[in-house]
Amino acid sequence: MNRSKDPTPRQIEALRNMGLEPPPTKSLCSRLIGFIIKGNGTCGSDGPERISIAKVYYDKYVGKEFLVNEGGKTYQGKNALVLYLIARTLQESIGLVDTEGGEGVKYHPFRVRVRIGEQEIFLPISSLTQQA
């Protein structure tokens, strides 16, 4: 991996001290830390609550396989292994409300990076269905 994109030692330490595994890049660590500190308009009223939320999402999704229920003909019906979480920014969350749902619609605070066969892509969590 490109060293300039690697998480910093400070980011790794901060996230591990919170009980969270750091994502693979500096940018993704920054997004996760930003979600914890400032939130993104989706859930959690303070840092400790958002840390708990991140842990729940991590335990539920990372390292597990799901069936893709959206994504057009290319991905629908395929198995996807969740590699890591991507925290949405506040601007992304606001954009979702403005373009997709309007008032009262709740969105996941994260998207996911998944592997489908040999390909890796980003997907919204709502496009995954837990397998029986």
N, C-alpha and C. Protein backbone atom coordinates (compact mmCIF):
# COMPACT_ATOMS: atom_id res chain seq x y z
N MET A 1 0.84 -1.19 0.00
CA MET A 1 0.00 0.00 0.00
C MET A 1 0.88 1.25 0.00
N ASN A 2 0.41 2.32 -0.55
CA ASN A 2 1.11 3.58 -0.60
C ASN A 2 1.19 4.17 0.81
N ARG A 3 2.41 4.40 1.28
CA ARG A 3 2.61 4.89 2.65
C ARG A 3 1.84 6.17 2.96
N SER A 4 1.72 7.07 1.98
CA SER A 4 1.01 8.33 2.23
C SER A 4 -0.48 8.10 2.44
N LYS A 5 -0.99 6.94 2.02
CA LYS A 5 -2.40 6.63 2.21
C LYS A 5 -2.65 5.78 3.45
N ASP A 6 -1.57 5.24 4.04
CA ASP A 6 -1.72 4.41 5.23
C ASP A 6 -2.24 5.23 6.40
N PRO A 7 -3.02 4.61 7.28
CA PRO A 7 -3.45 5.32 8.49
C PRO A 7 -2.22 5.77 9.30
N THR A 8 -2.36 6.89 9.97
CA THR A 8 -1.26 7.37 10.80
C THR A 8 -1.23 6.58 12.10
N PRO A 9 -0.08 6.52 12.75
CA PRO A 9 -0.02 5.84 14.06
C PRO A 9 -1.02 6.43 15.06
N ARG A 10 -1.22 7.74 15.00
CA ARG A 10 -2.16 8.39 15.91
C ARG A 10 -3.61 7.94 15.64
N GLN A 11 -3.98 7.82 14.36
CA GLN A 11 -5.32 7.34 14.01
C GLN A 11 -5.51 5.91 14.48
N ILE A 12 -4.53 5.07 14.21
CA ILE A 12 -4.62 3.66 14.62
C ILE A 12 -4.78 3.55 16.13
N GLU A 13 -3.96 4.28 16.86
CA GLU A 13 -4.03 4.24 18.33
C GLU A 13 -5.39 4.74 18.83
N ALA A 14 -5.86 5.85 18.27
CA ALA A 14 -7.14 6.42 18.73
C ALA A 14 -8.28 5.44 18.50
N LEU A 15 -8.35 4.86 17.31
CA LEU A 15 -9.44 3.94 17.01
C LEU A 15 -9.34 2.66 17.83
N ARG A 16 -8.16 2.14 17.98
CA ARG A 16 -8.01 0.92 18.81
C ARG A 16 -8.34 1.19 20.27
N ASN A 17 -8.01 2.39 20.77
CA ASN A 17 -8.37 2.75 22.14
C ASN A 17 -9.89 2.84 22.32
N MET A 18 -10.60 3.07 21.22
CA MET A 18 -12.06 3.09 21.25
C MET A 18 -12.64 1.69 21.04
N GLY A 19 -11.78 0.71 20.80
CA GLY A 19 -12.24 -0.65 20.57
C GLY A 19 -12.64 -0.91 19.13
N LEU A 20 -12.16 -0.08 18.20
CA LEU A 20 -12.50 -0.21 16.79
C LEU A 20 -11.26 -0.56 15.97
N GLU A 21 -11.43 -1.41 14.98
CA GLU A 21 -10.33 -1.76 14.08
C GLU A 21 -10.24 -0.67 13.01
N PRO A 22 -9.07 -0.08 12.83
CA PRO A 22 -8.94 1.00 11.83
C PRO A 22 -9.15 0.49 10.40
N PRO A 23 -9.85 1.27 9.58
CA PRO A 23 -9.96 0.93 8.16
C PRO A 23 -8.58 1.07 7.51
N PRO A 24 -8.42 0.63 6.25
CA PRO A 24 -7.09 0.51 5.66
C PRO A 24 -6.42 1.80 5.17
N THR A 25 -7.13 2.93 5.16
CA THR A 25 -6.49 4.15 4.67
C THR A 25 -6.65 5.31 5.64
N LYS A 26 -5.78 6.29 5.49
CA LYS A 26 -5.83 7.50 6.31
C LYS A 26 -7.17 8.21 6.15
N SER A 27 -7.63 8.31 4.92
CA SER A 27 -8.89 8.99 4.63
C SER A 27 -10.08 8.30 5.31
N LEU A 28 -10.13 6.98 5.22
CA LEU A 28 -11.24 6.25 5.84
C LEU A 28 -11.18 6.32 7.37
N CYS A 29 -9.97 6.32 7.93
CA CYS A 29 -9.83 6.51 9.38
C CYS A 29 -10.34 7.89 9.78
N SER A 30 -9.99 8.89 8.99
CA SER A 30 -10.43 10.25 9.25
C SER A 30 -11.96 10.35 9.22
N ARG A 31 -12.59 9.68 8.26
CA ARG A 31 -14.06 9.66 8.18
C ARG A 31 -14.67 9.02 9.43
N LEU A 32 -14.10 7.90 9.87
CA LEU A 32 -14.63 7.20 11.04
C LEU A 32 -14.46 8.05 12.29
N ILE A 33 -13.29 8.64 12.46
CA ILE A 33 -13.05 9.52 13.62
C ILE A 33 -13.98 10.73 13.56
N GLY A 34 -14.18 11.29 12.36
CA GLY A 34 -15.11 12.41 12.20
C GLY A 34 -16.53 12.04 12.58
N PHE A 35 -16.96 10.84 12.18
CA PHE A 35 -18.29 10.36 12.57
C PHE A 35 -18.40 10.29 14.10
N ILE A 36 -17.39 9.76 14.74
CA ILE A 36 -17.42 9.60 16.20
C ILE A 36 -17.45 10.96 16.90
N ILE A 37 -16.63 11.89 16.43
CA ILE A 37 -16.52 13.19 17.09
C ILE A 37 -17.72 14.10 16.78
N LYS A 38 -18.08 14.20 15.50
CA LYS A 38 -19.10 15.17 15.07
C LYS A 38 -20.43 14.57 14.68
N GLY A 39 -20.45 13.28 14.37
CA GLY A 39 -21.67 12.66 13.87
C GLY A 39 -21.85 12.95 12.39
N ASN A 40 -22.90 12.38 11.82
CA ASN A 40 -23.19 12.65 10.40
C ASN A 40 -24.68 12.82 10.15
N GLY A 41 -25.42 13.08 11.21
CA GLY A 41 -26.84 13.34 11.05
C GLY A 41 -27.71 12.11 10.98
N THR A 42 -27.12 10.91 11.10
CA THR A 42 -27.93 9.70 10.97
C THR A 42 -28.32 9.12 12.32
N CYS A 43 -27.40 9.08 13.27
CA CYS A 43 -27.70 8.49 14.57
C CYS A 43 -26.60 8.82 15.57
N GLY A 44 -26.91 8.65 16.83
CA GLY A 44 -25.94 8.88 17.88
C GLY A 44 -25.90 10.34 18.31
N SER A 45 -26.09 10.55 19.62
CA SER A 45 -26.13 11.93 20.11
C SER A 45 -24.78 12.44 20.62
N ASP A 46 -23.84 11.52 20.87
CA ASP A 46 -22.52 11.94 21.34
C ASP A 46 -21.47 10.89 20.97
N GLY A 47 -20.21 11.21 21.24
CA GLY A 47 -19.11 10.32 20.88
C GLY A 47 -19.24 8.91 21.42
N PRO A 48 -19.46 8.74 22.73
CA PRO A 48 -19.57 7.38 23.27
C PRO A 48 -20.70 6.57 22.62
N GLU A 49 -21.82 7.22 22.34
CA GLU A 49 -22.93 6.51 21.69
C GLU A 49 -22.55 6.12 20.26
N ARG A 50 -21.86 7.02 19.55
CA ARG A 50 -21.45 6.72 18.17
C ARG A 50 -20.38 5.63 18.13
N ILE A 51 -19.52 5.56 19.14
CA ILE A 51 -18.55 4.46 19.22
C ILE A 51 -19.31 3.15 19.36
N SER A 52 -20.29 3.11 20.23
CA SER A 52 -21.11 1.90 20.41
C SER A 52 -21.80 1.50 19.12
N ILE A 53 -22.33 2.48 18.40
CA ILE A 53 -23.01 2.21 17.13
C ILE A 53 -22.01 1.62 16.13
N ALA A 54 -20.83 2.21 16.04
CA ALA A 54 -19.81 1.70 15.11
C ALA A 54 -19.44 0.26 15.45
N LYS A 55 -19.32 -0.06 16.73
CA LYS A 55 -18.99 -1.44 17.15
C LYS A 55 -20.09 -2.41 16.74
N VAL A 56 -21.34 -2.01 16.91
CA VAL A 56 -22.46 -2.87 16.53
C VAL A 56 -22.43 -3.14 15.03
N TYR A 57 -22.24 -2.09 14.23
CA TYR A 57 -22.17 -2.26 12.77
C TYR A 57 -20.98 -3.14 12.39
N TYR A 58 -19.83 -2.90 13.02
CA TYR A 58 -18.65 -3.70 12.71
C TYR A 58 -18.93 -5.17 12.99
N ASP A 59 -19.46 -5.47 14.17
CA ASP A 59 -19.74 -6.87 14.54
C ASP A 59 -20.77 -7.51 13.62
N LYS A 60 -21.73 -6.73 13.18
CA LYS A 60 -22.80 -7.28 12.34
C LYS A 60 -22.36 -7.53 10.90
N TYR A 61 -21.47 -6.68 10.37
CA TYR A 61 -21.19 -6.73 8.94
C TYR A 61 -19.78 -7.18 8.55
N VAL A 62 -18.75 -6.67 9.20
CA VAL A 62 -17.38 -6.90 8.72
C VAL A 62 -16.98 -8.36 8.85
N GLY A 63 -16.45 -8.89 7.74
CA GLY A 63 -16.01 -10.28 7.70
C GLY A 63 -17.12 -11.28 7.44
N LYS A 64 -18.32 -10.78 7.18
CA LYS A 64 -19.46 -11.68 6.96
C LYS A 64 -19.93 -11.59 5.51
N GLU A 65 -20.56 -12.66 5.04
CA GLU A 65 -21.10 -12.70 3.69
C GLU A 65 -22.58 -12.37 3.68
N PHE A 66 -22.96 -11.62 2.65
CA PHE A 66 -24.35 -11.22 2.45
C PHE A 66 -24.70 -11.43 0.99
N LEU A 67 -25.98 -11.46 0.73
CA LEU A 67 -26.49 -11.53 -0.63
C LEU A 67 -26.80 -10.10 -1.08
N VAL A 68 -26.37 -9.73 -2.27
CA VAL A 68 -26.65 -8.40 -2.80
C VAL A 68 -28.06 -8.42 -3.38
N ASN A 69 -28.93 -7.53 -2.86
CA ASN A 69 -30.32 -7.49 -3.33
C ASN A 69 -30.60 -6.32 -4.25
N GLU A 70 -29.59 -5.50 -4.50
CA GLU A 70 -29.70 -4.38 -5.42
C GLU A 70 -28.41 -4.31 -6.22
N GLY A 71 -28.34 -3.45 -7.19
CA GLY A 71 -27.11 -3.28 -7.94
C GLY A 71 -27.25 -3.67 -9.40
N GLY A 72 -28.48 -3.80 -9.85
CA GLY A 72 -28.69 -4.14 -11.25
C GLY A 72 -28.27 -5.56 -11.57
N LYS A 73 -28.23 -5.86 -12.82
CA LYS A 73 -27.92 -7.22 -13.25
C LYS A 73 -26.50 -7.64 -12.88
N THR A 74 -25.60 -6.69 -12.76
CA THR A 74 -24.19 -7.02 -12.51
C THR A 74 -23.98 -7.69 -11.17
N TYR A 75 -24.63 -7.19 -10.11
CA TYR A 75 -24.35 -7.67 -8.76
C TYR A 75 -25.51 -8.35 -8.07
N GLN A 76 -26.73 -8.09 -8.49
CA GLN A 76 -27.90 -8.63 -7.80
C GLN A 76 -27.84 -10.16 -7.76
N GLY A 77 -28.07 -10.71 -6.56
CA GLY A 77 -28.06 -12.15 -6.38
C GLY A 77 -26.69 -12.75 -6.11
N LYS A 78 -25.66 -11.92 -6.09
CA LYS A 78 -24.29 -12.40 -5.85
C LYS A 78 -23.97 -12.35 -4.36
N ASN A 79 -23.05 -13.20 -3.92
CA ASN A 79 -22.55 -13.16 -2.56
C ASN A 79 -21.48 -12.08 -2.44
N ALA A 80 -21.53 -11.33 -1.36
CA ALA A 80 -20.58 -10.25 -1.11
C ALA A 80 -19.98 -10.42 0.28
N LEU A 81 -18.67 -10.40 0.38
CA LEU A 81 -17.97 -10.43 1.65
C LEU A 81 -17.67 -8.99 2.06
N VAL A 82 -18.14 -8.57 3.23
CA VAL A 82 -17.90 -7.20 3.70
C VAL A 82 -16.48 -7.10 4.24
N LEU A 83 -15.71 -6.17 3.66
CA LEU A 83 -14.31 -5.98 4.04
C LEU A 83 -14.14 -4.94 5.15
N TYR A 84 -14.86 -3.81 5.01
CA TYR A 84 -14.79 -2.77 6.04
C TYR A 84 -15.93 -1.78 5.86
N LEU A 85 -16.13 -0.96 6.91
CA LEU A 85 -17.15 0.09 6.92
C LEU A 85 -16.57 1.39 6.41
N ILE A 86 -17.39 2.20 5.78
CA ILE A 86 -17.02 3.55 5.37
C ILE A 86 -18.04 4.50 6.00
N ALA A 87 -17.59 5.34 6.91
CA ALA A 87 -18.50 6.29 7.55
C ALA A 87 -18.94 7.34 6.53
N ARG A 88 -20.23 7.61 6.52
CA ARG A 88 -20.74 8.70 5.67
C ARG A 88 -20.36 10.03 6.31
N THR A 89 -20.11 11.03 5.50
CA THR A 89 -19.89 12.37 6.03
C THR A 89 -21.26 13.03 6.24
N LEU A 90 -21.27 14.12 6.97
CA LEU A 90 -22.51 14.87 7.17
C LEU A 90 -23.05 15.34 5.82
N GLN A 91 -22.17 15.80 4.93
CA GLN A 91 -22.61 16.28 3.62
C GLN A 91 -23.25 15.15 2.81
N GLU A 92 -22.70 13.95 2.88
CA GLU A 92 -23.30 12.81 2.18
C GLU A 92 -24.67 12.48 2.74
N SER A 93 -24.80 12.52 4.06
CA SER A 93 -26.09 12.23 4.69
C SER A 93 -27.14 13.27 4.31
N ILE A 94 -26.74 14.54 4.29
CA ILE A 94 -27.66 15.60 3.88
C ILE A 94 -28.07 15.40 2.44
N GLY A 95 -27.10 15.03 1.58
CA GLY A 95 -27.40 14.78 0.18
C GLY A 95 -28.39 13.66 -0.01
N LEU A 96 -28.31 12.62 0.81
CA LEU A 96 -29.26 11.52 0.72
C LEU A 96 -30.67 11.98 1.03
N VAL A 97 -30.80 12.78 2.08
CA VAL A 97 -32.12 13.27 2.45
C VAL A 97 -32.67 14.17 1.35
N ASP A 98 -31.80 15.03 0.79
CA ASP A 98 -32.24 15.96 -0.26
C ASP A 98 -32.66 15.24 -1.54
N THR A 99 -31.96 14.15 -1.88
CA THR A 99 -32.20 13.53 -3.18
C THR A 99 -33.03 12.26 -3.14
N GLU A 100 -33.07 11.58 -2.00
CA GLU A 100 -33.68 10.26 -2.01
C GLU A 100 -34.90 10.07 -1.13
N GLY A 101 -34.97 10.76 0.00
CA GLY A 101 -36.03 10.36 0.88
C GLY A 101 -36.85 11.45 1.50
N GLY A 102 -36.24 12.56 1.77
CA GLY A 102 -36.97 13.62 2.43
C GLY A 102 -37.08 13.41 3.93
N GLU A 103 -37.99 14.11 4.52
CA GLU A 103 -38.16 14.12 5.97
C GLU A 103 -38.50 12.75 6.54
N GLY A 104 -37.91 12.45 7.70
CA GLY A 104 -38.29 11.25 8.44
C GLY A 104 -37.64 9.96 7.99
N VAL A 105 -36.88 9.97 6.90
CA VAL A 105 -36.23 8.76 6.42
C VAL A 105 -34.90 8.61 7.13
N LYS A 106 -34.62 7.41 7.64
CA LYS A 106 -33.36 7.15 8.34
C LYS A 106 -32.41 6.40 7.42
N TYR A 107 -31.15 6.78 7.45
CA TYR A 107 -30.13 6.13 6.65
C TYR A 107 -29.06 5.53 7.55
N HIS A 108 -28.42 4.47 7.05
CA HIS A 108 -27.31 3.88 7.79
C HIS A 108 -26.17 4.90 7.85
N PRO A 109 -25.46 4.94 8.97
CA PRO A 109 -24.34 5.88 9.08
C PRO A 109 -23.12 5.45 8.27
N PHE A 110 -23.16 4.23 7.73
CA PHE A 110 -22.01 3.68 7.01
C PHE A 110 -22.43 3.10 5.66
N ARG A 111 -21.47 3.04 4.76
CA ARG A 111 -21.54 2.20 3.57
C ARG A 111 -20.52 1.10 3.81
N VAL A 112 -20.41 0.15 2.89
CA VAL A 112 -19.45 -0.93 3.06
C VAL A 112 -18.63 -1.14 1.79
N ARG A 113 -17.44 -1.62 1.99
CA ARG A 113 -16.60 -2.09 0.89
C ARG A 113 -16.73 -3.60 0.90
N VAL A 114 -17.08 -4.18 -0.26
CA VAL A 114 -17.30 -5.61 -0.34
C VAL A 114 -16.46 -6.23 -1.46
N ARG A 115 -16.25 -7.52 -1.33
CA ARG A 115 -15.62 -8.29 -2.40
C ARG A 115 -16.68 -9.22 -2.97
N ILE A 116 -16.86 -9.13 -4.28
CA ILE A 116 -17.75 -10.02 -5.00
C ILE A 116 -16.88 -10.73 -6.03
N GLY A 117 -16.60 -11.99 -5.79
CA GLY A 117 -15.66 -12.71 -6.65
C GLY A 117 -14.28 -12.07 -6.51
N GLU A 118 -13.73 -11.61 -7.60
CA GLU A 118 -12.41 -10.96 -7.60
C GLU A 118 -12.50 -9.44 -7.56
N GLN A 119 -13.70 -8.91 -7.56
CA GLN A 119 -13.91 -7.46 -7.64
C GLN A 119 -14.28 -6.88 -6.28
N GLU A 120 -13.77 -5.67 -5.99
CA GLU A 120 -14.14 -4.94 -4.78
C GLU A 120 -14.91 -3.69 -5.18
N ILE A 121 -16.04 -3.46 -4.48
CA ILE A 121 -16.88 -2.28 -4.76
C ILE A 121 -17.44 -1.73 -3.45
N PHE A 122 -17.95 -0.50 -3.51
CA PHE A 122 -18.67 0.12 -2.40
C PHE A 122 -20.16 -0.10 -2.61
N LEU A 123 -20.87 -0.40 -1.54
CA LEU A 123 -22.31 -0.57 -1.60
C LEU A 123 -22.96 0.06 -0.37
N PRO A 124 -24.21 0.52 -0.53
CA PRO A 124 -24.96 0.91 0.67
C PRO A 124 -25.35 -0.35 1.44
N ILE A 125 -25.39 -0.25 2.74
CA ILE A 125 -25.76 -1.41 3.57
C ILE A 125 -27.16 -1.90 3.21
N SER A 126 -28.03 -1.00 2.82
CA SER A 126 -29.41 -1.39 2.48
C SER A 126 -29.47 -2.35 1.28
N SER A 127 -28.38 -2.46 0.53
CA SER A 127 -28.40 -3.37 -0.62
C SER A 127 -27.95 -4.79 -0.27
N LEU A 128 -27.75 -5.04 1.03
CA LEU A 128 -27.32 -6.37 1.48
C LEU A 128 -28.42 -7.07 2.24
N THR A 129 -28.55 -8.37 2.03
CA THR A 129 -29.49 -9.20 2.75
C THR A 129 -28.71 -10.31 3.43
N GLN A 130 -28.96 -10.49 4.73
CA GLN A 130 -28.27 -11.54 5.45
C GLN A 130 -28.72 -12.90 4.94
N GLN A 131 -27.75 -13.78 4.76
CA GLN A 131 -28.07 -15.12 4.28
C GLN A 131 -28.54 -16.00 5.43
N ALA A 132 -29.41 -16.94 5.12
CA ALA A 132 -29.96 -17.83 6.16
C ALA A 132 -28.93 -18.83 6.63
